[in-house]
Amino acid sequence: MLYYLFEYLDKLNFPGAGVFHYISFRAAITIITSLILSMVFGKKVIHLLQKKLIGETIRNLGLKGQQEKKGTPTMGGIIIIGSIIIPILLYADLTNIYIILMIVTTLWLGLIGFLDDYIKVFKKNKKGLSGKFKIIGQVGLGIIVGMVLYFSKDVVVRIPESKVTSQEIVQSNKQGETLSKENTKYVNVKSTKTTIPFLKNNEFDYKYIIWFLGENAHKWVWLIYVIVVIFIITAVSNGANMTDGLDGLATGTSAIAGSTMGILAYVSGNIIFANYLNIMYIPFTGELVIFAAAFIGATIGFLWYNSYPAQVFMGDTGSLTLGGIIAVFAIAIRKELLIPILAGIFLVENLSVMIQVWYFKRTRKKTGVGKRIFLMAPLHHHYQKKGYPEAKIVTRFWIAAIFLAILTIVTLKIR
């Protein structure tokens, strides 16, 4: 809202109104606003949850300090969601297709997570929302995101005209969409290309997957693209959900990933940096820096109450939302193949559960007695079983997340 107000004032030559044109300025005030919202109103939300007796039901898994968490308010993810959405409505360009998609993602997965927590807390059903319905919700979001990113005229990449293939659709020239630099003409094209880390010619087109269709590959590539989007959103949102098992673990790792995504969005949406780093320039994605700022402020502010010992848990309301945001954000800036590095903690947590279940079933089928690789899954519980203090496990996972974040950024230059 304020974005449009200052845009109007700038047209009237109001002193200082033009500052809202700068992404760096809006990102700064967004992160401050989001941080204040999550910390100030977070406290009120926690008191409300306590008053309504919305406490976490803890299963006895034999973990140290586990039963002390019984009754801790849950559904705190609404603090994160509110602290993201409000600053975005104030400072972001709400006509930007990427901002619209991120808002839809936040509210969509937030609703699914809320329904799951509601059933657990108020219906006293420990299983919560059926896994089938969760998957249906994630698939539905994946279809929406994939279709919009593929078919929307506002979703393009800008490349030298000489590199345009006969199958790529060149967008009609609009103001600011075609430029000349060093006698090279750049144009906007519809493309299903994404970035491959660590490779010099680091672009992969999803139509390569159906290369056997020949000239018809470009007609069916949208289907492959949508399936990939569905898989990524489902995997990352569930990975974040798996990671949310210790105080501050999912929140801290998400904040680190959000900071990295903000950097990636900034360089991808800035033609000078994109040319220097030899990466795809994606017009209009610079606005995602504002969303990343809101995401960082919301998660750090929530961490104020969620760090050990937690005063509130985010529940599925928060964890599914955080994972989905990271997934859609990475897809939007065409860095989804970096997710195994960027969200490496989520990946490892997810894999630890999959490996544990697979090995247990395999050994039980062969010997009649199921065996386990880890003392307990997800992986953070394995270290708890080994006797590591919860705060130490979380801190070390944060350190690993920081390392992965640095490695993600390094991929921009090391090929």
Protein backbone atom coordinates (compact mmCIF):
# COMPACT_ATOMS: atom_id res chain seq x y z
CA MET A 1 0.00 0.00 0.00
CA LEU A 2 2.73 2.45 0.96
CA TYR A 3 4.57 1.49 -2.23
CA TYR A 4 1.74 2.92 -4.33
CA LEU A 5 1.32 5.95 -2.09
CA PHE A 6 4.98 6.92 -2.46
CA GLU A 7 4.86 6.15 -6.17
CA TYR A 8 1.98 8.65 -6.48
CA LEU A 9 3.81 11.22 -4.34
CA ASP A 10 6.90 10.80 -6.51
CA LYS A 11 4.85 11.72 -9.58
CA LEU A 12 3.90 14.91 -7.73
CA ASN A 13 7.63 15.55 -7.14
CA PHE A 14 7.20 15.16 -3.38
CA PRO A 15 10.68 15.39 -1.77
CA GLY A 16 12.12 11.99 -0.83
CA ALA A 17 9.25 9.95 -2.28
CA GLY A 18 11.54 8.50 -4.96
CA VAL A 19 13.41 6.50 -2.33
CA PHE A 20 10.76 3.78 -2.64
CA HIS A 21 12.07 2.99 -6.11
CA TYR A 22 15.19 1.51 -4.51
CA ILE A 23 14.90 -2.18 -3.68
CA SER A 24 17.64 -1.87 -1.05
CA PHE A 25 15.66 0.79 0.87
CA ARG A 26 12.39 -1.13 0.74
CA ALA A 27 14.15 -4.35 1.74
CA ALA A 28 15.65 -2.60 4.77
CA ILE A 29 12.37 -1.21 6.06
CA THR A 30 10.63 -4.50 5.26
CA ILE A 31 13.00 -6.57 7.37
CA ILE A 32 12.74 -4.07 10.24
CA THR A 33 8.93 -4.02 10.07
CA SER A 34 8.71 -7.80 9.86
CA LEU A 35 11.11 -8.22 12.77
CA ILE A 36 9.16 -5.80 14.97
CA LEU A 37 5.83 -7.39 14.06
CA SER A 38 7.00 -10.91 14.87
CA MET A 39 8.56 -9.87 18.18
CA VAL A 40 5.90 -7.45 19.45
CA PHE A 41 2.75 -9.14 18.23
CA GLY A 42 4.33 -12.55 18.64
CA LYS A 43 4.21 -12.10 22.39
CA LYS A 44 0.50 -11.26 22.26
CA VAL A 45 -0.21 -14.25 20.05
CA ILE A 46 1.63 -16.54 22.49
CA HIS A 47 -0.45 -15.21 25.39
CA LEU A 48 -3.61 -15.79 23.35
CA LEU A 49 -2.57 -19.35 22.53
CA GLN A 50 -1.85 -20.00 26.19
CA LYS A 51 -5.22 -18.54 27.16
CA LYS A 52 -6.98 -20.81 24.66
CA LEU A 53 -4.96 -23.77 25.99
CA ILE A 54 -3.54 -24.44 22.53
CA GLY A 55 -0.63 -26.57 23.71
CA GLU A 56 1.55 -29.15 22.01
CA THR A 57 0.81 -32.81 22.68
CA ILE A 58 4.10 -34.60 23.21
CA ARG A 59 4.55 -38.29 22.50
CA ASN A 60 6.87 -40.10 24.86
CA LEU A 61 9.83 -41.02 22.65
CA GLY A 62 12.30 -41.38 25.49
CA LEU A 63 14.18 -38.19 24.63
CA LYS A 64 15.80 -36.03 27.28
CA GLY A 65 13.80 -32.89 28.12
CA GLN A 66 10.92 -34.01 25.93
CA GLN A 67 8.15 -34.05 28.53
CA GLU A 68 9.09 -30.57 29.76
CA LYS A 69 7.79 -29.25 26.42
CA LYS A 70 4.30 -30.58 27.04
CA GLY A 71 1.72 -27.80 26.90
CA THR A 72 3.98 -25.34 25.04
CA PRO A 73 1.76 -23.24 22.73
CA THR A 74 1.74 -24.42 19.13
CA MET A 75 0.35 -23.01 15.85
CA GLY A 76 2.89 -20.20 16.21
CA GLY A 77 3.35 -20.30 12.46
CA ILE A 78 0.59 -17.69 12.26
CA ILE A 79 3.13 -15.24 13.72
CA ILE A 80 5.50 -15.95 10.84
CA ILE A 81 2.77 -15.76 8.20
CA GLY A 82 1.38 -12.48 9.53
CA SER A 83 4.86 -10.97 9.82
CA ILE A 84 5.52 -11.81 6.17
CA ILE A 85 2.21 -10.82 4.62
CA ILE A 86 1.71 -7.44 6.33
CA PRO A 87 5.08 -5.90 5.28
CA ILE A 88 4.64 -7.31 1.77
CA LEU A 89 1.26 -5.60 1.47
CA LEU A 90 2.87 -2.37 2.64
CA TYR A 91 6.13 -2.24 0.70
CA ALA A 92 6.01 -4.61 -2.28
CA ASP A 93 4.69 -4.14 -5.81
CA LEU A 94 1.52 -6.22 -5.61
CA THR A 95 1.19 -6.35 -9.40
CA ASN A 96 4.47 -8.28 -9.67
CA ILE A 97 3.71 -11.86 -10.72
CA TYR A 98 6.42 -13.30 -8.47
CA ILE A 99 5.12 -11.45 -5.40
CA ILE A 100 1.60 -12.69 -6.16
CA LEU A 101 2.86 -16.29 -6.36
CA MET A 102 4.74 -15.97 -3.06
CA ILE A 103 1.67 -14.57 -1.30
CA VAL A 104 -0.47 -17.42 -2.66
CA THR A 105 2.16 -19.96 -1.56
CA THR A 106 2.37 -18.51 1.95
CA LEU A 107 -1.40 -18.45 2.51
CA TRP A 108 -2.06 -21.77 0.75
CA LEU A 109 0.42 -23.86 2.72
CA GLY A 110 -0.30 -21.86 5.87
CA LEU A 111 -3.94 -22.94 5.59
CA ILE A 112 -3.01 -26.60 5.08
CA GLY A 113 -0.70 -26.48 8.10
CA PHE A 114 -3.33 -24.65 10.16
CA LEU A 115 -5.92 -27.34 9.41
CA ASP A 116 -3.43 -30.01 10.49
CA ASP A 117 -2.67 -28.23 13.77
CA TYR A 118 -6.35 -27.50 14.38
CA ILE A 119 -7.26 -31.18 14.10
CA LYS A 120 -4.41 -32.13 16.45
CA VAL A 121 -5.18 -29.49 19.07
CA PHE A 122 -8.95 -29.07 19.04
CA LYS A 123 -10.09 -32.45 17.72
CA LYS A 124 -7.50 -34.24 19.88
CA ASN A 125 -6.43 -36.32 16.90
CA LYS A 126 -2.65 -36.81 17.12
CA LYS A 127 -2.44 -37.79 13.45
CA GLY A 128 -3.79 -34.42 12.35
CA LEU A 129 -4.78 -33.84 8.73
CA SER A 130 -4.55 -36.98 6.62
CA GLY A 131 -1.27 -37.26 4.72
CA LYS A 132 -3.33 -37.80 1.58
CA PHE A 133 -4.99 -34.40 1.93
CA LYS A 134 -1.65 -32.72 2.64
CA ILE A 135 -0.23 -34.16 -0.57
CA ILE A 136 -3.32 -33.10 -2.52
CA GLY A 137 -2.87 -29.55 -1.21
CA GLN A 138 0.83 -29.49 -2.10
CA VAL A 139 0.15 -30.93 -5.55
CA GLY A 140 -2.58 -28.33 -6.11
CA LEU A 141 -0.16 -25.53 -5.25
CA GLY A 142 2.48 -27.09 -7.50
CA ILE A 143 0.06 -27.11 -10.43
CA ILE A 144 -0.81 -23.44 -9.90
CA VAL A 145 2.82 -22.34 -9.53
CA GLY A 146 4.03 -24.43 -12.46
CA MET A 147 1.27 -23.30 -14.82
CA VAL A 148 1.67 -19.62 -13.93
CA LEU A 149 5.45 -19.67 -14.30
CA TYR A 150 5.20 -21.44 -17.63
CA PHE A 151 2.30 -19.59 -19.25
CA SER A 152 2.43 -16.08 -17.75
CA LYS A 153 3.70 -13.43 -20.17
CA ASP A 154 5.41 -11.67 -17.26
CA VAL A 155 7.70 -14.64 -16.56
CA VAL A 156 10.62 -14.33 -18.97
CA VAL A 157 14.40 -14.37 -19.14
CA ARG A 158 16.44 -11.79 -20.99
CA ILE A 159 19.16 -13.13 -23.31
CA PRO A 160 21.22 -11.88 -26.25
CA GLU A 161 19.16 -11.94 -29.44
CA SER A 162 21.83 -14.05 -31.12
CA LYS A 163 21.17 -16.89 -28.66
CA VAL A 164 17.43 -17.08 -29.30
CA THR A 165 16.41 -20.45 -30.76
CA SER A 166 13.64 -20.91 -33.28
CA GLN A 167 11.45 -22.56 -30.64
CA GLU A 168 11.76 -19.78 -28.05
CA ILE A 169 9.00 -17.19 -28.04
CA VAL A 170 10.28 -13.61 -28.05
CA GLN A 171 8.07 -11.28 -26.04
CA SER A 172 6.77 -8.14 -27.69
CA ASN A 173 9.07 -5.25 -26.93
CA LYS A 174 7.87 -3.17 -24.02
CA GLN A 175 9.58 -0.22 -22.43
CA GLY A 176 12.74 -1.42 -20.71
CA GLU A 177 12.57 -4.96 -22.08
CA THR A 178 15.11 -4.59 -24.86
CA LEU A 179 18.47 -2.92 -24.54
CA SER A 180 21.79 -2.63 -26.28
CA LYS A 181 25.10 -3.16 -24.57
CA GLU A 182 28.41 -3.43 -26.36
CA ASN A 183 26.48 -3.69 -29.64
CA THR A 184 24.57 -6.69 -28.32
CA LYS A 185 20.80 -6.64 -28.42
CA TYR A 186 18.99 -8.34 -25.54
CA VAL A 187 15.41 -9.57 -25.75
CA ASN A 188 12.92 -11.19 -23.39
CA VAL A 189 11.99 -14.80 -24.18
CA LYS A 190 9.80 -17.51 -22.72
CA SER A 191 12.07 -20.30 -21.58
CA THR A 192 12.10 -23.42 -19.41
CA LYS A 193 15.80 -23.16 -18.69
CA THR A 194 17.22 -23.37 -15.19
CA THR A 195 20.67 -23.13 -13.60
CA ILE A 196 23.00 -26.08 -13.05
CA PRO A 197 25.53 -25.43 -10.26
CA PHE A 198 29.29 -25.82 -10.79
CA LEU A 199 29.12 -26.13 -14.58
CA LYS A 200 30.53 -23.52 -16.96
CA ASN A 201 27.71 -23.72 -19.49
CA ASN A 202 25.31 -23.99 -16.60
CA GLU A 203 21.86 -23.90 -18.14
CA PHE A 204 19.54 -26.89 -18.39
CA ASP A 205 16.32 -26.86 -20.38
CA TYR A 206 13.56 -29.17 -19.17
CA LYS A 207 12.76 -30.05 -22.76
CA TYR A 208 15.98 -32.07 -22.77
CA ILE A 209 14.15 -34.63 -20.61
CA ILE A 210 11.82 -35.40 -23.52
CA TRP A 211 14.47 -35.08 -26.23
CA PHE A 212 13.09 -38.18 -27.93
CA LEU A 213 10.07 -36.14 -29.07
CA GLY A 214 12.32 -34.09 -31.31
CA GLU A 215 10.73 -30.90 -32.61
CA ASN A 216 7.60 -31.63 -30.57
CA ALA A 217 9.47 -31.47 -27.26
CA HIS A 218 8.67 -27.78 -26.78
CA LYS A 219 4.93 -28.54 -27.04
CA TRP A 220 4.96 -30.93 -24.10
CA VAL A 221 7.70 -29.47 -21.93
CA TRP A 222 5.11 -27.60 -19.83
CA LEU A 223 3.89 -30.95 -18.47
CA ILE A 224 7.39 -31.99 -17.42
CA TYR A 225 7.96 -28.57 -15.88
CA VAL A 226 4.76 -28.74 -13.79
CA ILE A 227 5.61 -32.24 -12.54
CA VAL A 228 9.07 -31.05 -11.47
CA VAL A 229 7.55 -28.05 -9.66
CA ILE A 230 5.08 -30.31 -7.83
CA PHE A 231 7.88 -32.65 -6.74
CA ILE A 232 10.09 -29.83 -5.46
CA ILE A 233 7.33 -28.08 -3.50
CA THR A 234 6.18 -31.35 -1.92
CA ALA A 235 9.69 -32.51 -1.05
CA VAL A 236 10.96 -29.23 0.43
CA SER A 237 7.81 -28.41 2.42
CA ASN A 238 7.79 -31.92 3.91
CA GLY A 239 11.54 -31.63 4.56
CA ALA A 240 10.98 -28.46 6.59
CA ASN A 241 8.21 -30.26 8.45
CA MET A 242 10.62 -33.09 9.33
CA THR A 243 13.24 -30.60 10.51
CA ASP A 244 10.84 -28.91 12.92
CA GLY A 245 11.59 -31.16 15.87
CA LEU A 246 13.95 -29.14 18.07
CA ASP A 247 13.65 -25.62 19.45
CA GLY A 248 14.79 -23.13 16.82
CA LEU A 249 16.06 -25.73 14.35
CA ALA A 250 13.67 -25.20 11.42
CA THR A 251 13.37 -21.47 12.16
CA GLY A 252 17.12 -20.81 12.17
CA THR A 253 17.93 -22.89 9.11
CA SER A 254 15.05 -21.23 7.23
CA ALA A 255 16.33 -17.75 8.13
CA ILE A 256 19.76 -18.70 6.76
CA ALA A 257 18.23 -20.08 3.56
CA GLY A 258 16.08 -16.94 3.24
CA SER A 259 19.14 -14.70 3.43
CA THR A 260 20.79 -16.70 0.66
CA MET A 261 17.69 -16.54 -1.51
CA GLY A 262 17.59 -12.78 -1.12
CA ILE A 263 21.13 -12.51 -2.49
CA LEU A 264 20.34 -14.84 -5.39
CA ALA A 265 17.18 -12.88 -6.24
CA TYR A 266 19.07 -9.59 -6.17
CA VAL A 267 21.80 -10.69 -8.59
CA SER A 268 19.33 -12.52 -10.85
CA GLY A 269 17.11 -9.47 -11.07
CA ASN A 270 19.92 -6.99 -11.69
CA ILE A 271 21.24 -6.97 -15.24
CA ILE A 272 24.66 -5.62 -14.26
CA PHE A 273 25.35 -8.36 -11.71
CA ALA A 274 23.75 -11.02 -13.91
CA ASN A 275 26.04 -10.12 -16.82
CA TYR A 276 29.10 -9.98 -14.59
CA LEU A 277 28.36 -13.37 -13.02
CA ASN A 278 27.27 -14.82 -16.38
CA ILE A 279 23.95 -16.02 -15.01
CA MET A 280 20.43 -15.70 -16.35
CA TYR A 281 18.94 -12.25 -16.00
CA ILE A 282 15.30 -12.63 -14.97
CA PRO A 283 13.38 -9.35 -15.20
CA PHE A 284 11.11 -8.40 -12.30
CA THR A 285 12.60 -10.93 -9.84
CA GLY A 286 14.37 -8.11 -8.01
CA GLU A 287 11.06 -7.53 -6.24
CA LEU A 288 11.51 -10.91 -4.56
CA VAL A 289 14.26 -9.32 -2.46
CA ILE A 290 11.44 -7.56 -0.60
CA PHE A 291 9.77 -10.89 0.08
CA ALA A 292 13.06 -12.41 1.20
CA ALA A 293 13.51 -9.49 3.61
CA ALA A 294 10.06 -10.11 5.11
CA PHE A 295 10.86 -13.82 5.37
CA ILE A 296 14.15 -13.16 7.17
CA GLY A 297 12.61 -10.65 9.59
CA ALA A 298 9.69 -12.96 10.38
CA THR A 299 11.85 -16.03 11.06
CA ILE A 300 14.44 -14.18 13.14
CA GLY A 301 11.69 -12.47 15.14
CA PHE A 302 9.98 -15.80 15.70
CA LEU A 303 13.31 -17.27 16.78
CA TRP A 304 13.24 -14.81 19.70
CA TYR A 305 10.49 -16.98 21.21
CA ASN A 306 11.25 -20.29 19.50
CA SER A 307 14.90 -20.62 20.56
CA TYR A 308 15.72 -23.06 23.36
CA PRO A 309 13.78 -23.37 25.59
CA ALA A 310 10.93 -22.57 23.21
CA GLN A 311 7.99 -20.46 24.37
CA VAL A 312 6.04 -21.38 21.26
CA PHE A 313 6.19 -23.97 18.47
CA MET A 314 5.43 -23.09 14.86
CA GLY A 315 3.52 -26.30 14.21
CA ASP A 316 2.70 -27.43 10.69
CA THR A 317 1.23 -23.96 10.17
CA GLY A 318 4.78 -22.67 10.06
CA SER A 319 6.93 -25.57 8.92
CA LEU A 320 4.97 -26.45 5.76
CA THR A 321 4.84 -22.76 4.88
CA LEU A 322 8.57 -22.17 5.34
CA GLY A 323 9.51 -25.14 3.19
CA GLY A 324 7.03 -24.19 0.47
CA ILE A 325 8.27 -20.60 0.37
CA ILE A 326 11.87 -21.73 -0.06
CA ALA A 327 10.86 -24.14 -2.84
CA VAL A 328 8.74 -21.69 -4.85
CA PHE A 329 11.26 -18.88 -4.37
CA ALA A 330 14.09 -21.05 -5.73
CA ILE A 331 11.95 -22.16 -8.69
CA ALA A 332 10.98 -18.56 -9.50
CA ILE A 333 14.62 -17.42 -9.74
CA ARG A 334 15.54 -20.62 -11.61
CA LYS A 335 17.85 -21.91 -8.92
CA GLU A 336 15.82 -24.99 -7.98
CA LEU A 337 18.73 -27.33 -8.74
CA LEU A 338 20.58 -25.56 -5.92
CA ILE A 339 17.96 -26.66 -3.38
CA PRO A 340 19.90 -29.82 -2.35
CA ILE A 341 22.67 -27.44 -1.25
CA LEU A 342 20.61 -24.44 -0.15
CA ALA A 343 18.14 -26.57 1.84
CA GLY A 344 20.61 -29.34 2.57
CA ILE A 345 19.46 -29.66 6.19
CA PHE A 346 15.89 -30.34 5.04
CA LEU A 347 17.18 -32.86 2.51
CA VAL A 348 19.27 -34.77 5.04
CA GLU A 349 16.42 -34.84 7.56
CA ASN A 350 14.06 -36.17 4.90
CA LEU A 351 16.54 -38.76 3.67
CA SER A 352 17.25 -39.99 7.19
CA VAL A 353 13.57 -40.88 7.61
CA MET A 354 13.36 -42.52 4.19
CA ILE A 355 16.53 -44.55 4.76
CA GLN A 356 15.41 -45.59 8.23
CA VAL A 357 12.02 -46.83 7.02
CA TRP A 358 13.50 -48.55 3.94
CA TYR A 359 16.21 -50.36 5.93
CA PHE A 360 13.81 -51.41 8.68
CA LYS A 361 11.37 -52.94 6.17
CA ARG A 362 14.14 -54.57 4.17
CA THR A 363 15.78 -56.25 7.17
CA ARG A 364 12.43 -57.32 8.62
CA LYS A 365 11.54 -58.96 5.30
CA LYS A 366 14.87 -60.82 5.17
CA THR A 367 15.39 -61.76 8.80
CA GLY A 368 12.01 -61.28 10.42
CA VAL A 369 13.45 -58.60 12.70
CA GLY A 370 13.60 -55.01 11.56
CA LYS A 371 16.89 -53.19 12.15
CA ARG A 372 17.65 -49.47 12.18
CA ILE A 373 20.58 -47.46 10.83
CA PHE A 374 19.93 -44.46 13.08
CA LEU A 375 19.05 -44.62 16.75
CA MET A 376 16.03 -42.57 15.78
CA ALA A 377 14.83 -40.54 12.79
CA PRO A 378 14.76 -37.74 11.72
CA LEU A 379 18.50 -37.23 12.12
CA HIS A 380 18.33 -34.61 14.90
CA HIS A 381 16.65 -37.18 17.16
CA HIS A 382 19.51 -39.60 16.45
CA TYR A 383 21.90 -37.14 18.09
CA GLN A 384 19.49 -36.62 20.96
CA LYS A 385 19.52 -40.38 21.57
CA LYS A 386 23.32 -40.25 21.60
CA GLY A 387 23.11 -37.80 24.47
CA TYR A 388 23.91 -34.47 22.80
CA PRO A 389 22.20 -31.47 24.41
CA GLU A 390 19.40 -30.03 22.30
CA ALA A 391 20.94 -26.56 22.09
CA LYS A 392 24.24 -28.00 20.84
CA ILE A 393 22.53 -30.03 18.13
CA VAL A 394 20.60 -26.99 16.91
CA THR A 395 23.69 -24.76 16.91
CA ARG A 396 25.71 -27.29 14.93
CA PHE A 397 22.92 -27.69 12.40
CA TRP A 398 22.87 -23.90 12.03
CA ILE A 399 26.61 -23.92 11.40
CA ALA A 400 26.11 -26.60 8.73
CA ALA A 401 23.32 -24.48 7.21
CA ILE A 402 25.62 -21.43 7.08
CA PHE A 403 28.29 -23.51 5.34
CA LEU A 404 25.73 -24.70 2.78
CA ALA A 405 24.52 -21.13 2.26
CA ILE A 406 28.06 -19.95 1.52
CA LEU A 407 28.56 -22.89 -0.84
CA THR A 408 25.31 -21.95 -2.62
CA ILE A 409 26.52 -18.41 -3.21
CA VAL A 410 29.95 -19.64 -4.30
CA THR A 411 28.30 -21.65 -7.10
CA LEU A 412 27.58 -18.35 -8.85
CA LYS A 413 31.26 -17.96 -9.66
CA ILE A 414 32.94 -21.36 -9.32
CA ARG A 415 32.28 -23.46 -12.43
